[in-house]
Amino acid sequence: MARMTPLPLEILEARAARSGLAGLPEKVRQGLRLDAADALAMYRSDDVALLGILANEVRERRHGDVCFYNVNIHINYTNWCNKFCEFCAFQRRPKDEGAYCMSPEEIHDTLLRANPEATEVHMVAGVWPALPYEYYLDILRAAKAARPDIHVKAFTMVEIDQIVKTARRPLPEVLEDLREAGLDSLPGGGAEVFSERVRQELYPLKMGAERWLELAREIHAAGFRTNCTLLYGMIETLEERVDHLERLRALQDETGGFQAYIPLAFHPANTGLAHLPYPGPLERLRSIAIGRLFLDNVPHVKAYWIMLGIPVAQLALGMGADDLDGTVTQELIYHNAGAETPESLDRAALHRLIREAGRVPVERNTLYEVLRDFRDGDPAFDPAPAPEPLPV
């Protein structure tokens, strides 16, 4: 894809002045850090297209026309949970219909049957205090026994908090045990939105923002990389979204441990908040663009197609996102909450989506090391000539 030629600054500024974003294009062009007032203005502006233009400039300066993906497997090892979050459709108690908890042997067998090309397994689940400490070590060992070379990305901060309580040992010792058992990195979920007001109303049994940030800080210090997220579209205010992003950026300034930012659109179906609307396509794209513009110290912005929907995820590749996540396989948490996307995509389907968006598919590993660059195509995954790029 030919890189977009940046529009003249005066044209962008004239448009920005009409949409409450005066001065934003110049800040972006100069590489100046945006502040909370800028972020709030971006959330309030009706010119999502302008945000996309500016975010795409930043995205192309950083990553050119590349779109990263990986070949990954999701395992949600249990839906037992005692947090009872209003926004969750996945949680069950052990005696509830549909409740399950995978044994280490089941995880081992699942990985043996899974895509042999996968380079990552993503394991997250509910929180159940009665599960013994050794269980968490055993499921990591089971994953590595089945696939010794696979990268194990597992446990949100919420899960880590419970694992530490169960172990009754200091976090550094627990992290070392988990590392020895097979843990390679951690995902970014469980943060939801860093608002005590929202937490008290929707998920009061879950730890607060300060504990999440404390754990992330120590996990980064121990050498683990993680992602970061924002779950939006519940009852949070725009100011609370901005506060969340500010806290993520401040921690990244301190640790540098976040690899990617993933804005997560709330799926209300089958939850206690089913009366709320699913964030519309423009709001999903706005969240991608704001993430790229505001989180200037986070290398990557991910368009998680499971939650965005495939058409919106494609558009997001021209509005700040440089990553589509991966093949996924067997994701349950968001599908239980009403996600209508496929439960997996194969590599050929991902290539097609990326090329239709005018980007170049590049397979990465979990740590964003390039495994294969498909700039020149590959008959196995690009059986037809790449289509003419769509404008982005």
Protein backbone atom coordinates (compact mmCIF):
# COMPACT_ATOMS: atom_id res chain seq x y z
CA MET A 1 0.00 0.00 0.00
CA ALA A 2 1.26 3.46 -0.79
CA ARG A 3 1.66 5.50 2.36
CA MET A 4 -0.88 8.29 2.69
CA THR A 5 0.43 11.74 1.78
CA PRO A 6 -0.20 13.95 4.81
CA LEU A 7 -2.68 16.76 4.22
CA PRO A 8 -1.43 20.33 4.60
CA LEU A 9 -1.50 21.44 8.22
CA GLU A 10 -3.62 24.51 7.47
CA ILE A 11 -6.37 22.30 6.02
CA LEU A 12 -6.35 20.04 9.07
CA GLU A 13 -6.34 22.99 11.47
CA ALA A 14 -9.27 24.65 9.70
CA ARG A 15 -11.24 21.43 10.02
CA ALA A 16 -10.14 20.98 13.63
CA ALA A 17 -11.33 24.48 14.54
CA ARG A 18 -14.83 23.57 13.36
CA SER A 19 -14.98 20.44 15.50
CA GLY A 20 -13.58 21.54 18.84
CA LEU A 21 -10.07 20.27 18.15
CA ALA A 22 -8.20 23.47 17.38
CA GLY A 23 -4.45 23.05 17.78
CA LEU A 24 -4.58 19.25 17.86
CA PRO A 25 -3.19 18.67 14.34
CA GLU A 26 -0.18 20.89 15.03
CA LYS A 27 0.55 19.07 18.29
CA VAL A 28 0.37 15.73 16.50
CA ARG A 29 2.59 16.89 13.64
CA GLN A 30 5.18 18.20 16.09
CA GLY A 31 5.09 15.03 18.17
CA LEU A 32 4.00 16.93 21.30
CA ARG A 33 2.37 15.02 24.13
CA LEU A 34 -1.39 15.45 24.34
CA ASP A 35 -2.95 16.32 27.69
CA ALA A 36 -6.19 15.41 29.42
CA ALA A 37 -8.01 18.37 27.87
CA ASP A 38 -6.99 17.15 24.41
CA ALA A 39 -8.24 13.65 25.19
CA LEU A 40 -11.57 14.94 26.46
CA ALA A 41 -11.98 17.10 23.37
CA MET A 42 -11.32 14.06 21.18
CA TYR A 43 -13.99 12.06 22.98
CA ARG A 44 -16.47 14.94 22.61
CA SER A 45 -15.76 15.87 19.00
CA ASP A 46 -18.07 14.65 16.26
CA ASP A 47 -15.22 14.57 13.71
CA VAL A 48 -14.07 10.97 14.13
CA ALA A 49 -12.66 11.03 10.61
CA LEU A 50 -10.21 13.79 11.55
CA LEU A 51 -9.08 11.78 14.58
CA GLY A 52 -8.54 8.83 12.25
CA ILE A 53 -6.48 10.92 9.82
CA LEU A 54 -4.23 12.14 12.62
CA ALA A 55 -3.96 8.72 14.27
CA ASN A 56 -3.09 7.15 10.92
CA GLU A 57 -0.24 9.63 10.49
CA VAL A 58 1.18 8.52 13.84
CA ARG A 59 0.59 4.86 13.00
CA GLU A 60 2.36 5.15 9.64
CA ARG A 61 5.30 7.04 11.15
CA ARG A 62 5.76 4.17 13.59
CA HIS A 63 4.84 1.11 11.55
CA GLY A 64 4.43 2.07 7.90
CA ASP A 65 1.94 -0.14 6.06
CA VAL A 66 2.48 -3.22 8.23
CA CYS A 67 -0.32 -5.00 10.08
CA PHE A 68 0.90 -7.45 12.70
CA TYR A 69 -0.87 -10.66 13.69
CA ASN A 70 0.02 -13.88 15.42
CA VAL A 71 -1.16 -17.46 15.27
CA ASN A 72 -2.62 -17.97 18.70
CA ILE A 73 -4.97 -20.12 20.75
CA HIS A 74 -7.27 -18.95 23.54
CA ILE A 75 -8.02 -21.21 26.49
CA ASN A 76 -10.48 -19.92 29.11
CA TYR A 77 -9.60 -22.59 31.65
CA THR A 78 -12.53 -22.03 34.05
CA ASN A 79 -15.68 -19.95 34.27
CA TRP A 80 -15.92 -20.40 38.04
CA CYS A 81 -15.83 -16.91 39.52
CA ASN A 82 -16.75 -15.17 42.76
CA LYS A 83 -16.48 -11.56 41.58
CA PHE A 84 -20.05 -11.37 40.21
CA CYS A 85 -19.32 -8.40 37.95
CA GLU A 86 -22.45 -6.87 36.43
CA PHE A 87 -20.81 -6.64 33.01
CA CYS A 88 -19.83 -10.32 32.75
CA ALA A 89 -21.76 -13.06 30.94
CA PHE A 90 -19.00 -15.68 31.37
CA GLN A 91 -18.98 -16.24 35.14
CA ARG A 92 -20.55 -19.25 36.86
CA ARG A 93 -20.43 -20.85 40.29
CA PRO A 94 -19.28 -24.49 40.35
CA LYS A 95 -22.80 -25.97 40.63
CA ASP A 96 -24.36 -23.68 38.01
CA GLU A 97 -25.45 -25.05 34.67
CA GLY A 98 -22.63 -24.71 32.20
CA ALA A 99 -19.94 -24.32 34.87
CA TYR A 100 -16.58 -25.93 34.13
CA CYS A 101 -12.98 -26.03 35.28
CA MET A 102 -10.41 -27.61 32.99
CA SER A 103 -7.92 -30.02 34.47
CA PRO A 104 -4.24 -29.77 33.57
CA GLU A 105 -4.73 -32.93 31.51
CA GLU A 106 -7.53 -31.29 29.54
CA ILE A 107 -5.38 -28.26 28.83
CA HIS A 108 -2.56 -30.55 27.71
CA ASP A 109 -4.88 -32.46 25.37
CA THR A 110 -6.47 -29.26 24.03
CA LEU A 111 -3.08 -27.92 23.04
CA LEU A 112 -2.04 -31.20 21.47
CA ARG A 113 -5.11 -31.00 19.23
CA ALA A 114 -4.76 -27.29 18.50
CA ASN A 115 -3.24 -25.61 15.47
CA PRO A 116 0.36 -26.89 15.27
CA GLU A 117 1.50 -23.55 13.82
CA ALA A 118 0.38 -21.58 16.88
CA THR A 119 3.16 -19.68 18.61
CA GLU A 120 1.08 -18.43 21.58
CA VAL A 121 -1.54 -19.72 23.97
CA HIS A 122 -3.57 -17.05 25.77
CA MET A 123 -5.01 -18.38 29.06
CA VAL A 124 -7.38 -16.29 31.16
CA ALA A 125 -10.41 -17.24 33.22
CA GLY A 126 -12.62 -16.53 36.20
CA VAL A 127 -11.40 -16.30 39.79
CA TRP A 128 -12.21 -19.03 42.32
CA PRO A 129 -10.38 -18.90 45.68
CA ALA A 130 -10.80 -22.64 46.36
CA LEU A 131 -8.51 -23.55 43.47
CA PRO A 132 -5.15 -24.50 45.02
CA TYR A 133 -1.94 -22.69 44.21
CA GLU A 134 -0.49 -25.80 42.62
CA TYR A 135 -3.36 -25.83 40.08
CA TYR A 136 -2.05 -22.66 38.43
CA LEU A 137 1.46 -24.06 38.26
CA ASP A 138 0.14 -27.35 36.88
CA ILE A 139 -1.84 -25.78 34.03
CA LEU A 140 1.27 -23.85 32.97
CA ARG A 141 3.35 -27.04 33.11
CA ALA A 142 0.66 -28.86 31.13
CA ALA A 143 0.76 -26.23 28.39
CA LYS A 144 4.53 -26.46 28.12
CA ALA A 145 4.50 -30.24 28.22
CA ALA A 146 2.14 -30.31 25.26
CA ARG A 147 3.91 -27.58 23.30
CA PRO A 148 7.40 -26.88 24.71
CA ASP A 149 8.08 -24.01 22.30
CA ILE A 150 4.77 -22.20 22.66
CA HIS A 151 4.66 -18.80 24.38
CA VAL A 152 2.30 -18.91 27.36
CA LYS A 153 0.53 -15.60 27.97
CA ALA A 154 -1.68 -16.08 30.99
CA PHE A 155 -3.48 -14.53 33.96
CA THR A 156 -4.91 -11.04 34.23
CA MET A 157 -3.95 -8.89 37.21
CA VAL A 158 -7.18 -10.02 38.87
CA GLU A 159 -6.12 -13.64 38.56
CA ILE A 160 -2.60 -12.82 39.77
CA ASP A 161 -4.06 -11.06 42.80
CA GLN A 162 -5.97 -14.23 43.74
CA ILE A 163 -2.99 -16.49 43.01
CA VAL A 164 -0.85 -14.43 45.40
CA LYS A 165 -3.54 -14.63 48.10
CA THR A 166 -3.84 -18.38 47.61
CA ALA A 167 -0.08 -18.89 47.74
CA ARG A 168 0.31 -16.72 50.85
CA ARG A 169 3.71 -15.73 49.56
CA PRO A 170 5.19 -12.45 48.29
CA LEU A 171 4.47 -11.53 44.67
CA PRO A 172 8.13 -11.79 43.52
CA GLU A 173 8.29 -15.40 44.75
CA VAL A 174 4.99 -16.24 43.11
CA LEU A 175 6.11 -14.72 39.82
CA GLU A 176 9.30 -16.77 39.92
CA ASP A 177 7.27 -19.95 40.53
CA LEU A 178 4.98 -19.08 37.62
CA ARG A 179 7.95 -18.34 35.37
CA GLU A 180 9.60 -21.66 36.21
CA ALA A 181 6.31 -23.45 35.51
CA GLY A 182 6.07 -21.86 32.05
CA LEU A 183 4.62 -18.35 32.24
CA ASP A 184 6.18 -16.10 29.58
CA SER A 185 4.04 -12.94 29.62
CA LEU A 186 0.69 -11.62 30.81
CA PRO A 187 -2.32 -10.11 29.02
CA GLY A 188 -3.85 -6.74 29.86
CA GLY A 189 -7.37 -7.51 31.02
CA GLY A 190 -9.06 -7.01 34.35
CA ALA A 191 -8.45 -3.27 34.52
CA GLU A 192 -11.93 -2.44 33.19
CA VAL A 193 -12.00 1.33 33.85
CA PHE A 194 -10.01 2.90 36.69
CA SER A 195 -12.99 4.60 38.32
CA GLU A 196 -13.80 3.84 41.94
CA ARG A 197 -17.37 5.05 41.33
CA VAL A 198 -17.87 2.55 38.50
CA ARG A 199 -16.13 -0.22 40.44
CA GLN A 200 -18.41 0.24 43.46
CA GLU A 201 -21.50 0.10 41.28
CA LEU A 202 -20.61 -2.69 38.84
CA TYR A 203 -17.77 -4.83 40.24
CA PRO A 204 -17.23 -4.04 43.95
CA LEU A 205 -15.66 -7.44 44.71
CA LYS A 206 -12.89 -6.87 42.19
CA MET A 207 -9.69 -5.11 43.22
CA GLY A 208 -9.40 -1.37 42.64
CA ALA A 209 -7.23 0.64 40.29
CA GLU A 210 -4.33 1.14 42.69
CA ARG A 211 -3.89 -2.59 43.22
CA TRP A 212 -4.05 -3.26 39.46
CA LEU A 213 -1.39 -0.65 38.81
CA GLU A 214 0.75 -1.88 41.71
CA LEU A 215 0.70 -5.43 40.36
CA ALA A 216 1.48 -4.28 36.81
CA ARG A 217 4.40 -2.22 38.10
CA GLU A 218 5.91 -5.18 39.96
CA ILE A 219 5.24 -7.60 37.10
CA HIS A 220 7.05 -5.29 34.68
CA ALA A 221 9.91 -4.95 37.16
CA ALA A 222 10.19 -8.74 37.20
CA GLY A 223 10.81 -8.69 33.45
CA PHE A 224 7.39 -9.72 32.17
CA ARG A 225 5.74 -7.81 29.33
CA THR A 226 1.99 -7.16 29.36
CA ASN A 227 -0.66 -5.32 27.39
CA CYS A 228 -3.08 -2.70 28.68
CA THR A 229 -6.79 -2.23 28.11
CA LEU A 230 -9.82 -0.02 28.67
CA LEU A 231 -13.32 -1.54 28.81
CA TYR A 232 -15.61 1.23 27.58
CA GLY A 233 -19.31 1.60 26.92
CA MET A 234 -20.67 0.79 30.39
CA ILE A 235 -21.65 3.63 32.75
CA GLU A 236 -18.30 5.43 32.81
CA THR A 237 -18.07 9.12 31.95
CA LEU A 238 -15.73 10.50 29.30
CA GLU A 239 -13.69 12.08 32.08
CA GLU A 240 -13.28 8.64 33.67
CA ARG A 241 -12.06 7.21 30.37
CA VAL A 242 -9.47 9.99 30.14
CA ASP A 243 -8.34 9.40 33.73
CA HIS A 244 -7.86 5.71 32.91
CA LEU A 245 -5.68 6.52 29.89
CA GLU A 246 -3.64 9.02 31.91
CA ARG A 247 -2.88 6.37 34.53
CA LEU A 248 -1.84 3.84 31.91
CA ARG A 249 0.44 6.37 30.24
CA ALA A 250 2.00 7.39 33.54
CA LEU A 251 2.79 3.78 34.43
CA GLN A 252 4.24 3.19 30.97
CA ASP A 253 6.49 6.22 31.46
CA GLU A 254 7.73 4.53 34.62
CA THR A 255 8.12 0.91 33.49
CA GLY A 256 7.93 0.63 29.70
CA GLY A 257 6.30 -2.76 30.20
CA PHE A 258 3.16 -2.38 28.07
CA GLN A 259 3.49 -3.75 24.54
CA ALA A 260 0.07 -2.89 23.15
CA TYR A 261 -3.09 -1.00 24.04
CA ILE A 262 -6.39 -2.76 23.38
CA PRO A 263 -9.60 -0.72 23.73
CA LEU A 264 -12.37 -3.21 24.53
CA ALA A 265 -15.92 -2.39 23.45
CA PHE A 266 -18.42 -3.61 26.04
CA HIS A 267 -20.81 -6.30 24.81
CA PRO A 268 -23.95 -5.94 26.99
CA ALA A 269 -25.94 -8.99 25.85
CA ASN A 270 -26.53 -11.65 28.52
CA THR A 271 -25.13 -9.40 31.27
CA GLY A 272 -26.68 -7.35 34.06
CA LEU A 273 -26.28 -4.34 31.78
CA ALA A 274 -28.18 -5.75 28.82
CA HIS A 275 -30.23 -2.54 28.61
CA LEU A 276 -27.17 -0.61 27.45
CA PRO A 277 -26.33 -0.28 23.74
CA TYR A 278 -23.25 -1.87 22.23
CA PRO A 279 -20.88 0.98 21.28
CA GLY A 280 -21.49 1.91 17.65
CA PRO A 281 -18.88 1.65 14.89
CA LEU A 282 -17.83 5.31 15.14
CA GLU A 283 -17.30 5.02 18.89
CA ARG A 284 -15.22 1.88 18.40
CA LEU A 285 -13.08 3.64 15.78
CA ARG A 286 -12.79 6.76 17.94
CA SER A 287 -11.41 4.65 20.79
CA ILE A 288 -8.75 3.18 18.51
CA ALA A 289 -7.71 6.63 17.24
CA ILE A 290 -7.60 8.21 20.70
CA GLY A 291 -5.53 5.32 21.99
CA ARG A 292 -2.95 5.84 19.25
CA LEU A 293 -2.84 9.61 19.72
CA PHE A 294 -2.83 9.77 23.52
CA LEU A 295 -0.76 6.72 24.47
CA ASP A 296 2.36 7.99 22.77
CA ASN A 297 4.62 5.66 24.76
CA VAL A 298 2.82 2.38 24.00
CA PRO A 299 4.28 0.84 20.83
CA HIS A 300 1.21 -0.88 19.41
CA VAL A 301 -2.56 -0.42 19.23
CA LYS A 302 -4.55 -3.58 18.65
CA ALA A 303 -7.83 -3.84 16.74
CA TYR A 304 -9.17 -6.90 18.52
CA TRP A 305 -11.50 -8.20 15.85
CA ILE A 306 -13.41 -10.44 18.27
CA MET A 307 -14.85 -7.35 20.01
CA LEU A 308 -14.76 -4.75 17.24
CA GLY A 309 -16.32 -6.88 14.53
CA ILE A 310 -14.39 -7.65 11.37
CA PRO A 311 -15.47 -4.65 9.21
CA VAL A 312 -14.69 -2.18 12.00
CA ALA A 313 -11.37 -3.90 12.72
CA GLN A 314 -10.42 -3.48 9.06
CA LEU A 315 -11.28 0.23 9.16
CA ALA A 316 -9.30 0.57 12.38
CA LEU A 317 -6.13 -0.35 10.48
CA GLY A 318 -6.43 3.06 8.81
CA MET A 319 -7.28 4.89 12.04
CA GLY A 320 -4.36 4.10 14.31
CA ALA A 321 -4.29 0.32 14.81
CA ASP A 322 -1.33 -1.72 13.58
CA ASP A 323 -2.33 -5.16 14.91
CA LEU A 324 -5.36 -7.43 14.42
CA ASP A 325 -4.50 -9.83 17.28
CA GLY A 326 -4.50 -13.29 15.75
CA THR A 327 -6.27 -16.46 14.77
CA VAL A 328 -7.64 -16.73 18.36
CA THR A 329 -9.57 -20.09 18.46
CA GLN A 330 -12.01 -21.02 21.25
CA GLU A 331 -12.51 -17.58 22.80
CA LEU A 332 -15.53 -17.77 25.15
CA ILE A 333 -15.64 -14.67 27.36
CA TYR A 334 -16.81 -12.17 24.75
CA HIS A 335 -18.83 -14.67 22.75
CA ASN A 336 -20.85 -15.47 25.88
CA ALA A 337 -21.56 -11.73 26.07
CA GLY A 338 -22.98 -11.61 22.57
CA ALA A 339 -20.02 -11.21 20.23
CA GLU A 340 -21.19 -12.40 16.81
CA THR A 341 -17.74 -12.66 15.26
CA PRO A 342 -16.28 -16.09 14.39
CA GLU A 343 -14.55 -17.93 17.22
CA SER A 344 -11.43 -18.19 15.07
CA LEU A 345 -9.91 -17.12 11.77
CA ASP A 346 -7.27 -18.99 9.85
CA ARG A 347 -4.14 -17.36 8.52
CA ALA A 348 -5.52 -17.04 4.98
CA ALA A 349 -8.60 -15.21 6.27
CA LEU A 350 -6.45 -12.82 8.28
CA HIS A 351 -4.29 -12.11 5.22
CA ARG A 352 -7.37 -11.38 3.16
CA LEU A 353 -8.74 -8.96 5.76
CA ILE A 354 -5.40 -7.19 6.08
CA ARG A 355 -4.85 -6.88 2.34
CA GLU A 356 -8.42 -5.65 1.78
CA ALA A 357 -7.57 -2.86 4.23
CA GLY A 358 -4.51 -2.00 2.14
CA ARG A 359 -1.97 -3.25 4.66
CA VAL A 360 0.83 -5.81 4.55
CA PRO A 361 0.40 -8.91 6.76
CA VAL A 362 3.36 -9.59 9.03
CA GLU A 363 3.31 -12.54 11.41
CA ARG A 364 4.82 -11.75 14.80
CA ASN A 365 5.43 -13.63 17.99
CA THR A 366 4.01 -12.44 21.31
CA LEU A 367 6.94 -10.07 21.89
CA TYR A 368 6.49 -8.46 18.44
CA GLU A 369 9.50 -10.10 16.89
CA VAL A 370 8.83 -10.58 13.17
CA LEU A 371 8.48 -14.22 12.16
CA ARG A 372 7.36 -13.84 8.53
CA ASP A 373 6.86 -10.78 6.35
CA PHE A 374 4.31 -11.41 3.61
CA ARG A 375 4.96 -8.24 1.64
CA ASP A 376 5.51 -10.30 -1.51
CA GLY A 377 2.65 -12.66 -0.79
CA ASP A 378 2.70 -16.41 -0.22
CA PRO A 379 0.81 -18.91 -2.40
CA ALA A 380 -0.27 -20.87 0.67
CA PHE A 381 -2.02 -17.92 2.28
CA ASP A 382 -2.55 -15.49 -0.61
CA PRO A 383 -3.88 -17.79 -3.34
CA ALA A 384 -5.23 -14.90 -5.40
CA PRO A 385 -3.42 -11.70 -6.33
CA ALA A 386 -3.70 -9.12 -3.63
CA PRO A 387 -6.60 -6.74 -4.34
CA GLU A 388 -6.09 -3.09 -5.08
CA PRO A 389 -5.82 -1.34 -1.73
CA LEU A 390 -8.89 0.38 -0.42
CA PRO A 391 -8.51 4.01 0.63
CA VAL A 392 -7.99 4.31 4.38
